[in-house]
Amino acid sequence: MGDLLMTCNEAAKMLSVRPGTIRAWTAARKIPAVRIGTRAVRYRRSHLERFLRDGERPVLREGGQ
């Protein structure tokens, strides 16, 4: 089936953030987007999955340990 293209709302749901956050990250070039025509913007699932993987950090316990 290939790499699934997702809408802003679908991407936001996948990342558990608001659509406005997705739009802000897109404008800041934190996440890659695909423009279709002059207005439609879509997000590749594989790019969002990589964004999640690359952002993973161990959570520090209370007291910085």
PDB file of N, CA and C in Angstrom:
ATOM      1  N   MET A   1       0.814  -1.205   0.000  1.00  0.00           N
ATOM      2  CA  MET A   1       0.000   0.000   0.000  1.00  0.00           C
ATOM      3  C   MET A   1       0.853   1.263   0.000  1.00  0.00           C
ATOM      4  N   GLY A   2       2.099   1.208   0.374  1.00  0.00           N
ATOM      5  CA  GLY A   2       2.946   2.387   0.384  1.00  0.00           C
ATOM      6  C   GLY A   2       2.800   3.174   1.674  1.00  0.00           C
ATOM      7  N   ASP A   3       3.431   4.325   1.685  1.00  0.00           N
ATOM      8  CA  ASP A   3       3.442   5.166   2.875  1.00  0.00           C
ATOM      9  C   ASP A   3       2.146   5.970   2.954  1.00  0.00           C
ATOM     10  N   LEU A   4       1.414   5.812   4.033  1.00  0.00           N
ATOM     11  CA  LEU A   4       0.129   6.465   4.212  1.00  0.00           C
ATOM     12  C   LEU A   4       0.293   7.961   4.435  1.00  0.00           C
ATOM     13  N   LEU A   5      -0.477   8.770   3.705  1.00  0.00           N
ATOM     14  CA  LEU A   5      -0.513  10.212   3.914  1.00  0.00           C
ATOM     15  C   LEU A   5      -1.668  10.537   4.850  1.00  0.00           C
ATOM     16  N   MET A   6      -1.406  11.383   5.826  1.00  0.00           N
ATOM     17  CA  MET A   6      -2.390  11.709   6.855  1.00  0.00           C
ATOM     18  C   MET A   6      -2.704  13.199   6.833  1.00  0.00           C
ATOM     19  N   THR A   7      -3.918  13.543   7.214  1.00  0.00           N
ATOM     20  CA  THR A   7      -4.307  14.950   7.357  1.00  0.00           C
ATOM     21  C   THR A   7      -3.712  15.507   8.650  1.00  0.00           C
ATOM     22  N   CYS A   8      -3.846  16.808   8.817  1.00  0.00           N
ATOM     23  CA  CYS A   8      -3.383  17.456  10.040  1.00  0.00           C
ATOM     24  C   CYS A   8      -4.099  16.868  11.260  1.00  0.00           C
ATOM     25  N   ASN A   9      -5.400  16.692  11.168  1.00  0.00           N
ATOM     26  CA  ASN A   9      -6.158  16.138  12.287  1.00  0.00           C
ATOM     27  C   ASN A   9      -5.734  14.710  12.613  1.00  0.00           C
ATOM     28  N   GLU A  10      -5.492  13.903  11.589  1.00  0.00           N
ATOM     29  CA  GLU A  10      -5.042  12.526  11.811  1.00  0.00           C
ATOM     30  C   GLU A  10      -3.657  12.493  12.443  1.00  0.00           C
ATOM     31  N   ALA A  11      -2.768  13.366  11.954  1.00  0.00           N
ATOM     32  CA  ALA A  11      -1.421  13.446  12.518  1.00  0.00           C
ATOM     33  C   ALA A  11      -1.480  13.885  13.985  1.00  0.00           C
ATOM     34  N   ALA A  12      -2.337  14.858  14.268  1.00  0.00           N
ATOM     35  CA  ALA A  12      -2.476  15.342  15.642  1.00  0.00           C
ATOM     36  C   ALA A  12      -2.974  14.226  16.558  1.00  0.00           C
ATOM     37  N   LYS A  13      -3.921  13.471  16.089  1.00  0.00           N
ATOM     38  CA  LYS A  13      -4.449  12.360  16.890  1.00  0.00           C
ATOM     39  C   LYS A  13      -3.355  11.320  17.142  1.00  0.00           C
ATOM     40  N   MET A  14      -2.581  11.006  16.107  1.00  0.00           N
ATOM     41  CA  MET A  14      -1.510  10.022  16.243  1.00  0.00           C
ATOM     42  C   MET A  14      -0.477  10.462  17.283  1.00  0.00           C
ATOM     43  N   LEU A  15      -0.155  11.761  17.298  1.00  0.00           N
ATOM     44  CA  LEU A  15       0.875  12.278  18.203  1.00  0.00           C
ATOM     45  C   LEU A  15       0.306  12.784  19.529  1.00  0.00           C
ATOM     46  N   SER A  16      -1.007  12.700  19.676  1.00  0.00           N
ATOM     47  CA  SER A  16      -1.695  13.148  20.897  1.00  0.00           C
ATOM     48  C   SER A  16      -1.443  14.632  21.196  1.00  0.00           C
ATOM     49  N   VAL A  17      -1.538  15.434  20.146  1.00  0.00           N
ATOM     50  CA  VAL A  17      -1.417  16.886  20.282  1.00  0.00           C
ATOM     51  C   VAL A  17      -2.577  17.525  19.516  1.00  0.00           C
ATOM     52  N   ARG A  18      -2.708  18.823  19.636  1.00  0.00           N
ATOM     53  CA  ARG A  18      -3.757  19.547  18.921  1.00  0.00           C
ATOM     54  C   ARG A  18      -3.320  19.833  17.486  1.00  0.00           C
ATOM     55  N   PRO A  19      -4.288  19.956  16.571  1.00  0.00           N
ATOM     56  CA  PRO A  19      -3.943  20.292  15.187  1.00  0.00           C
ATOM     57  C   PRO A  19      -3.126  21.571  15.072  1.00  0.00           C
ATOM     58  N   GLY A  20      -3.366  22.548  15.933  1.00  0.00           N
ATOM     59  CA  GLY A  20      -2.580  23.779  15.909  1.00  0.00           C
ATOM     60  C   GLY A  20      -1.104  23.529  16.189  1.00  0.00           C
ATOM     61  N   THR A  21      -0.833  22.537  17.024  1.00  0.00           N
ATOM     62  CA  THR A  21       0.560  22.171  17.317  1.00  0.00           C
ATOM     63  C   THR A  21       1.213  21.586  16.075  1.00  0.00           C
ATOM     64  N   ILE A  22       0.483  20.744  15.353  1.00  0.00           N
ATOM     65  CA  ILE A  22       1.011  20.168  14.109  1.00  0.00           C
ATOM     66  C   ILE A  22       1.316  21.278  13.113  1.00  0.00           C
ATOM     67  N   ARG A  23       0.398  22.230  12.980  1.00  0.00           N
ATOM     68  CA  ARG A  23       0.623  23.342  12.050  1.00  0.00           C
ATOM     69  C   ARG A  23       1.830  24.185  12.473  1.00  0.00           C
ATOM     70  N   ALA A  24       1.990  24.417  13.766  1.00  0.00           N
ATOM     71  CA  ALA A  24       3.136  25.191  14.257  1.00  0.00           C
ATOM     72  C   ALA A  24       4.443  24.442  14.006  1.00  0.00           C
ATOM     73  N   TRP A  25       4.452  23.137  14.269  1.00  0.00           N
ATOM     74  CA  TRP A  25       5.658  22.329  14.027  1.00  0.00           C
ATOM     75  C   TRP A  25       5.991  22.300  12.536  1.00  0.00           C
ATOM     76  N   THR A  26       4.955  22.285  11.698  1.00  0.00           N
ATOM     77  CA  THR A  26       5.179  22.297  10.247  1.00  0.00           C
ATOM     78  C   THR A  26       5.809  23.623   9.836  1.00  0.00           C
ATOM     79  N   ALA A  27       5.273  24.724  10.320  1.00  0.00           N
ATOM     80  CA  ALA A  27       5.807  26.054   9.984  1.00  0.00           C
ATOM     81  C   ALA A  27       7.241  26.217  10.477  1.00  0.00           C
ATOM     82  N   ALA A  28       7.549  25.608  11.632  1.00  0.00           N
ATOM     83  CA  ALA A  28       8.894  25.684  12.202  1.00  0.00           C
ATOM     84  C   ALA A  28       9.822  24.622  11.618  1.00  0.00           C
ATOM     85  N   ARG A  29       9.279  23.815  10.708  1.00  0.00           N
ATOM     86  CA  ARG A  29      10.031  22.737  10.048  1.00  0.00           C
ATOM     87  C   ARG A  29      10.541  21.683  11.025  1.00  0.00           C
ATOM     88  N   LYS A  30       9.792  21.448  12.095  1.00  0.00           N
ATOM     89  CA  LYS A  30      10.129  20.372  13.037  1.00  0.00           C
ATOM     90  C   LYS A  30       9.677  19.027  12.510  1.00  0.00           C
ATOM     91  N   ILE A  31       8.599  19.040  11.723  1.00  0.00           N
ATOM     92  CA  ILE A  31       8.128  17.808  11.084  1.00  0.00           C
ATOM     93  C   ILE A  31       7.967  18.078   9.593  1.00  0.00           C
ATOM     94  N   PRO A  32       8.307  17.101   8.749  1.00  0.00           N
ATOM     95  CA  PRO A  32       8.171  17.298   7.306  1.00  0.00           C
ATOM     96  C   PRO A  32       6.712  17.152   6.869  1.00  0.00           C
ATOM     97  N   ALA A  33       6.357  17.875   5.844  1.00  0.00           N
ATOM     98  CA  ALA A  33       5.009  17.826   5.296  1.00  0.00           C
ATOM     99  C   ALA A  33       5.078  17.710   3.777  1.00  0.00           C
ATOM    100  N   VAL A  34       4.001  17.201   3.203  1.00  0.00           N
ATOM    101  CA  VAL A  34       3.871  17.067   1.753  1.00  0.00           C
ATOM    102  C   VAL A  34       2.756  18.006   1.315  1.00  0.00           C
ATOM    103  N   ARG A  35       3.053  18.882   0.383  1.00  0.00           N
ATOM    104  CA  ARG A  35       2.023  19.778  -0.138  1.00  0.00           C
ATOM    105  C   ARG A  35       1.442  19.139  -1.393  1.00  0.00           C
ATOM    106  N   ILE A  36       0.115  19.077  -1.432  1.00  0.00           N
ATOM    107  CA  ILE A  36      -0.596  18.540  -2.590  1.00  0.00           C
ATOM    108  C   ILE A  36      -1.367  19.703  -3.209  1.00  0.00           C
ATOM    109  N   GLY A  37      -1.008  20.058  -4.409  1.00  0.00           N
ATOM    110  CA  GLY A  37      -1.626  21.228  -5.028  1.00  0.00           C
ATOM    111  C   GLY A  37      -1.134  22.484  -4.349  1.00  0.00           C
ATOM    112  N   THR A  38      -2.014  23.460  -4.238  1.00  0.00           N
ATOM    113  CA  THR A  38      -1.599  24.734  -3.653  1.00  0.00           C
ATOM    114  C   THR A  38      -1.976  24.878  -2.193  1.00  0.00           C
ATOM    115  N   ARG A  39      -2.917  24.045  -1.700  1.00  0.00           N
ATOM    116  CA  ARG A  39      -3.396  24.236  -0.332  1.00  0.00           C
ATOM    117  C   ARG A  39      -3.292  23.017   0.565  1.00  0.00           C
ATOM    118  N   ALA A  40      -3.532  21.844   0.028  1.00  0.00           N
ATOM    119  CA  ALA A  40      -3.598  20.639   0.864  1.00  0.00           C
ATOM    120  C   ALA A  40      -2.216  20.260   1.391  1.00  0.00           C
ATOM    121  N   VAL A  41      -2.153  19.987   2.685  1.00  0.00           N
ATOM    122  CA  VAL A  41      -0.913  19.557   3.336  1.00  0.00           C
ATOM    123  C   VAL A  41      -1.177  18.204   3.977  1.00  0.00           C
ATOM    124  N   ARG A  42      -0.260  17.268   3.766  1.00  0.00           N
ATOM    125  CA  ARG A  42      -0.386  15.929   4.332  1.00  0.00           C
ATOM    126  C   ARG A  42       0.930  15.540   4.991  1.00  0.00           C
ATOM    127  N   TYR A  43       0.844  14.540   5.841  1.00  0.00           N
ATOM    128  CA  TYR A  43       1.997  14.074   6.609  1.00  0.00           C
ATOM    129  C   TYR A  43       2.170  12.581   6.385  1.00  0.00           C
ATOM    130  N   ARG A  44       3.404  12.155   6.126  1.00  0.00           N
ATOM    131  CA  ARG A  44       3.676  10.724   5.952  1.00  0.00           C
ATOM    132  C   ARG A  44       3.764  10.053   7.320  1.00  0.00           C
ATOM    133  N   ARG A  45       3.068   8.940   7.456  1.00  0.00           N
ATOM    134  CA  ARG A  45       3.079   8.193   8.715  1.00  0.00           C
ATOM    135  C   ARG A  45       4.512   7.838   9.109  1.00  0.00           C
ATOM    136  N   SER A  46       5.334   7.420   8.149  1.00  0.00           N
ATOM    137  CA  SER A  46       6.711   7.024   8.468  1.00  0.00           C
ATOM    138  C   SER A  46       7.513   8.200   9.028  1.00  0.00           C
ATOM    139  N   HIS A  47       7.257   9.413   8.527  1.00  0.00           N
ATOM    140  CA  HIS A  47       7.969  10.593   9.047  1.00  0.00           C
ATOM    141  C   HIS A  47       7.547  10.888  10.485  1.00  0.00           C
ATOM    142  N   LEU A  48       6.258  10.736  10.768  1.00  0.00           N
ATOM    143  CA  LEU A  48       5.771  10.976  12.127  1.00  0.00           C
ATOM    144  C   LEU A  48       6.296   9.920  13.090  1.00  0.00           C
ATOM    145  N   GLU A  49       6.362   8.677  12.630  1.00  0.00           N
ATOM    146  CA  GLU A  49       6.915   7.603  13.478  1.00  0.00           C
ATOM    147  C   GLU A  49       8.384   7.872  13.783  1.00  0.00           C
ATOM    148  N   ARG A  50       9.137   8.338  12.788  1.00  0.00           N
ATOM    149  CA  ARG A  50      10.548   8.672  13.003  1.00  0.00           C
ATOM    150  C   ARG A  50      10.675   9.856  13.964  1.00  0.00           C
ATOM    151  N   PHE A  51       9.801  10.855  13.816  1.00  0.00           N
ATOM    152  CA  PHE A  51       9.781  12.009  14.720  1.00  0.00           C
ATOM    153  C   PHE A  51       9.600  11.540  16.161  1.00  0.00           C
ATOM    154  N   LEU A  52       8.707  10.596  16.375  1.00  0.00           N
ATOM    155  CA  LEU A  52       8.496  10.050  17.715  1.00  0.00           C
ATOM    156  C   LEU A  52       9.728   9.299  18.217  1.00  0.00           C
ATOM    157  N   ARG A  53      10.286   8.438  17.380  1.00  0.00           N
ATOM    158  CA  ARG A  53      11.480   7.668  17.772  1.00  0.00           C
ATOM    159  C   ARG A  53      12.648   8.578  18.101  1.00  0.00           C
ATOM    160  N   ASP A  54      12.885   9.569  17.248  1.00  0.00           N
ATOM    161  CA  ASP A  54      14.027  10.469  17.443  1.00  0.00           C
ATOM    162  C   ASP A  54      13.867  11.326  18.697  1.00  0.00           C
ATOM    163  N   GLY A  55      12.632  11.555  19.107  1.00  0.00           N
ATOM    164  CA  GLY A  55      12.377  12.391  20.278  1.00  0.00           C
ATOM    165  C   GLY A  55      12.330  11.629  21.584  1.00  0.00           C
ATOM    166  N   GLU A  56      12.485  10.307  21.519  1.00  0.00           N
ATOM    167  CA  GLU A  56      12.415   9.523  22.753  1.00  0.00           C
ATOM    168  C   GLU A  56      13.626   9.771  23.624  1.00  0.00           C
ATOM    169  N   ARG A  57      13.360  10.049  24.876  1.00  0.00           N
ATOM    170  CA  ARG A  57      14.407  10.254  25.876  1.00  0.00           C
ATOM    171  C   ARG A  57      13.963   9.556  27.153  1.00  0.00           C
ATOM    172  N   PRO A  58      14.886   9.036  27.930  1.00  0.00           N
ATOM    173  CA  PRO A  58      14.484   8.440  29.206  1.00  0.00           C
ATOM    174  C   PRO A  58      13.904   9.513  30.131  1.00  0.00           C
ATOM    175  N   VAL A  59      12.876   9.172  30.824  1.00  0.00           N
ATOM    176  CA  VAL A  59      12.254  10.092  31.757  1.00  0.00           C
ATOM    177  C   VAL A  59      13.011  10.005  33.076  1.00  0.00           C
ATOM    178  N   LEU A  60      13.445  11.157  33.568  1.00  0.00           N
ATOM    179  CA  LEU A  60      14.172  11.192  34.835  1.00  0.00           C
ATOM    180  C   LEU A  60      13.204  11.042  35.996  1.00  0.00           C
ATOM    181  N   ARG A  61      13.634  10.290  36.973  1.00  0.00           N
ATOM    182  CA  ARG A  61      12.822  10.189  38.184  1.00  0.00           C
ATOM    183  C   ARG A  61      12.964  11.470  38.985  1.00  0.00           C
ATOM    184  N   GLU A  62      12.090  11.655  39.939  1.00  0.00           N
ATOM    185  CA  GLU A  62      12.123  12.832  40.787  1.00  0.00           C
ATOM    186  C   GLU A  62      13.495  12.934  41.454  1.00  0.00           C
ATOM    187  N   GLY A  63      14.048  14.108  41.490  1.00  0.00           N
ATOM    188  CA  GLY A  63      15.389  14.300  42.067  1.00  0.00           C
ATOM    189  C   GLY A  63      16.475  14.211  41.014  1.00  0.00           C
ATOM    190  N   GLY A  64      16.086  14.083  39.707  1.00  0.00           N
ATOM    191  CA  GLY A  64      17.072  14.074  38.633  1.00  0.00           C
ATOM    192  C   GLY A  64      17.814  12.767  38.453  1.00  0.00           C
ATOM    193  N   GLN A  65      17.292  11.684  39.011  1.00  0.00           N
ATOM    194  CA  GLN A  65      17.979  10.391  38.861  1.00  0.00           C
ATOM    195  C   GLN A  65      17.307   9.508  37.854  1.00  0.00           C
TER     196      GLN A  65
END
